[in-house]
Amino acid sequence: MELADRAVGLLLTLISLSIFTYFTFWVIIVPFVDSDHFVHQYFLPLEYAIIIPVFAGVALLSLLSLFVGSVMLKSRKKKNKKA
């Protein structure tokens, strides 16, 4: 099992590193490259560099809120059954 955990950890690290590298290159380097350069075909318009992280953050906060709310409701039901 330890080997599988290490493999999953390595895979998640590589995915996170590649996303971070892509996003950093997209936001910091691409705006300074000429607009007719071939590099621009590999990236979305710069507006999406703000829209995508904001949407991901809102989705993450919503899921976390739902999780915390469900845990609180379950703990409240357990307390009511004991009393």
C-alpha atoms as a PDB file:
ATOM      1  CA  MET A   1       0.000   0.000   0.000  1.00  0.00           C
ATOM      2  CA  GLU A   2       2.885   2.344   0.712  1.00  0.00           C
ATOM      3  CA  LEU A   3       4.057   2.154  -2.902  1.00  0.00           C
ATOM      4  CA  ALA A   4       0.589   3.053  -4.162  1.00  0.00           C
ATOM      5  CA  ASP A   5       0.432   6.039  -1.798  1.00  0.00           C
ATOM      6  CA  ARG A   6       3.821   7.243  -2.981  1.00  0.00           C
ATOM      7  CA  ALA A   7       2.749   6.861  -6.621  1.00  0.00           C
ATOM      8  CA  VAL A   8      -0.436   8.853  -6.030  1.00  0.00           C
ATOM      9  CA  GLY A   9       1.542  11.518  -4.183  1.00  0.00           C
ATOM     10  CA  LEU A  10       4.066  11.742  -7.006  1.00  0.00           C
ATOM     11  CA  LEU A  11       1.297  11.964  -9.602  1.00  0.00           C
ATOM     12  CA  LEU A  12      -0.511  14.714  -7.683  1.00  0.00           C
ATOM     13  CA  THR A  13       2.755  16.606  -7.238  1.00  0.00           C
ATOM     14  CA  LEU A  14       3.546  16.400 -10.954  1.00  0.00           C
ATOM     15  CA  ILE A  15       0.043  17.510 -11.928  1.00  0.00           C
ATOM     16  CA  SER A  16       0.153  20.442  -9.489  1.00  0.00           C
ATOM     17  CA  LEU A  17       3.611  21.464 -10.662  1.00  0.00           C
ATOM     18  CA  SER A  18       2.602  21.343 -14.320  1.00  0.00           C
ATOM     19  CA  ILE A  19      -0.564  23.406 -13.697  1.00  0.00           C
ATOM     20  CA  PHE A  20       1.418  25.954 -11.678  1.00  0.00           C
ATOM     21  CA  THR A  21       4.092  26.197 -14.398  1.00  0.00           C
ATOM     22  CA  TYR A  22       1.513  26.560 -17.183  1.00  0.00           C
ATOM     23  CA  PHE A  23      -0.454  29.218 -15.284  1.00  0.00           C
ATOM     24  CA  THR A  24       2.685  31.156 -14.322  1.00  0.00           C
ATOM     25  CA  PHE A  25       3.947  31.148 -17.895  1.00  0.00           C
ATOM     26  CA  TRP A  26       0.471  32.144 -19.132  1.00  0.00           C
ATOM     27  CA  VAL A  27       0.104  35.090 -16.745  1.00  0.00           C
ATOM     28  CA  ILE A  28       3.675  36.387 -16.499  1.00  0.00           C
ATOM     29  CA  ILE A  29       5.460  35.586 -19.770  1.00  0.00           C
ATOM     30  CA  VAL A  30       2.799  35.506 -22.507  1.00  0.00           C
ATOM     31  CA  PRO A  31       1.648  39.142 -22.132  1.00  0.00           C
ATOM     32  CA  PHE A  32       5.171  40.268 -23.084  1.00  0.00           C
ATOM     33  CA  VAL A  33       5.350  38.090 -26.221  1.00  0.00           C
ATOM     34  CA  ASP A  34       4.211  39.540 -29.552  1.00  0.00           C
ATOM     35  CA  SER A  35       0.586  38.729 -30.311  1.00  0.00           C
ATOM     36  CA  ASP A  36       1.450  37.108 -33.664  1.00  0.00           C
ATOM     37  CA  HIS A  37       3.929  34.677 -32.083  1.00  0.00           C
ATOM     38  CA  PHE A  38       3.048  30.959 -32.267  1.00  0.00           C
ATOM     39  CA  VAL A  39       3.132  30.633 -28.463  1.00  0.00           C
ATOM     40  CA  HIS A  40      -0.258  32.349 -28.197  1.00  0.00           C
ATOM     41  CA  GLN A  41      -2.007  29.405 -29.846  1.00  0.00           C
ATOM     42  CA  TYR A  42      -1.319  27.274 -26.743  1.00  0.00           C
ATOM     43  CA  PHE A  43      -3.000  29.654 -24.294  1.00  0.00           C
ATOM     44  CA  LEU A  44      -6.517  30.964 -23.760  1.00  0.00           C
ATOM     45  CA  PRO A  45      -7.122  34.725 -23.785  1.00  0.00           C
ATOM     46  CA  LEU A  46      -5.720  36.469 -20.719  1.00  0.00           C
ATOM     47  CA  GLU A  47      -9.194  37.227 -19.323  1.00  0.00           C
ATOM     48  CA  TYR A  48      -9.575  33.537 -18.515  1.00  0.00           C
ATOM     49  CA  ALA A  49      -6.515  33.767 -16.256  1.00  0.00           C
ATOM     50  CA  ILE A  50      -8.783  35.581 -13.799  1.00  0.00           C
ATOM     51  CA  ILE A  51     -12.092  33.855 -14.536  1.00  0.00           C
ATOM     52  CA  ILE A  52     -10.885  30.251 -14.116  1.00  0.00           C
ATOM     53  CA  PRO A  53      -9.214  30.651 -10.681  1.00  0.00           C
ATOM     54  CA  VAL A  54     -12.136  32.701  -9.360  1.00  0.00           C
ATOM     55  CA  PHE A  55     -14.615  30.056 -10.513  1.00  0.00           C
ATOM     56  CA  ALA A  56     -12.447  27.285  -9.046  1.00  0.00           C
ATOM     57  CA  GLY A  57     -12.187  29.163  -5.744  1.00  0.00           C
ATOM     58  CA  VAL A  58     -15.932  29.731  -5.518  1.00  0.00           C
ATOM     59  CA  ALA A  59     -16.572  26.063  -6.329  1.00  0.00           C
ATOM     60  CA  LEU A  60     -14.043  24.955  -3.698  1.00  0.00           C
ATOM     61  CA  LEU A  61     -15.488  27.223  -1.022  1.00  0.00           C
ATOM     62  CA  SER A  62     -19.007  26.041  -1.870  1.00  0.00           C
ATOM     63  CA  LEU A  63     -18.011  22.383  -1.591  1.00  0.00           C
ATOM     64  CA  LEU A  64     -16.193  23.002   1.683  1.00  0.00           C
ATOM     65  CA  SER A  65     -19.211  24.849   3.065  1.00  0.00           C
ATOM     66  CA  LEU A  66     -21.520  21.996   2.079  1.00  0.00           C
ATOM     67  CA  PHE A  67     -19.185  19.477   3.706  1.00  0.00           C
ATOM     68  CA  VAL A  68     -18.901  21.444   6.952  1.00  0.00           C
ATOM     69  CA  GLY A  69     -22.675  21.974   6.985  1.00  0.00           C
ATOM     70  CA  SER A  70     -23.380  18.283   6.527  1.00  0.00           C
ATOM     71  CA  VAL A  71     -20.922  17.346   9.289  1.00  0.00           C
ATOM     72  CA  MET A  72     -22.557  19.866  11.615  1.00  0.00           C
ATOM     73  CA  LEU A  73     -26.032  18.495  10.845  1.00  0.00           C
ATOM     74  CA  LYS A  74     -24.897  14.913  11.446  1.00  0.00           C
ATOM     75  CA  SER A  75     -23.283  15.835  14.768  1.00  0.00           C
ATOM     76  CA  ARG A  76     -26.425  17.699  15.819  1.00  0.00           C
ATOM     77  CA  LYS A  77     -28.577  14.627  15.028  1.00  0.00           C
ATOM     78  CA  LYS A  78     -26.239  12.424  17.077  1.00  0.00           C
ATOM     79  CA  LYS A  79     -26.469  14.825  20.045  1.00  0.00           C
ATOM     80  CA  ASN A  80     -30.275  14.850  19.846  1.00  0.00           C
ATOM     81  CA  LYS A  81     -30.431  11.027  19.807  1.00  0.00           C
ATOM     82  CA  LYS A  82     -28.207  10.779  22.927  1.00  0.00           C
ATOM     83  CA  ALA A  83     -30.283  13.280  24.887  1.00  0.00           C
END
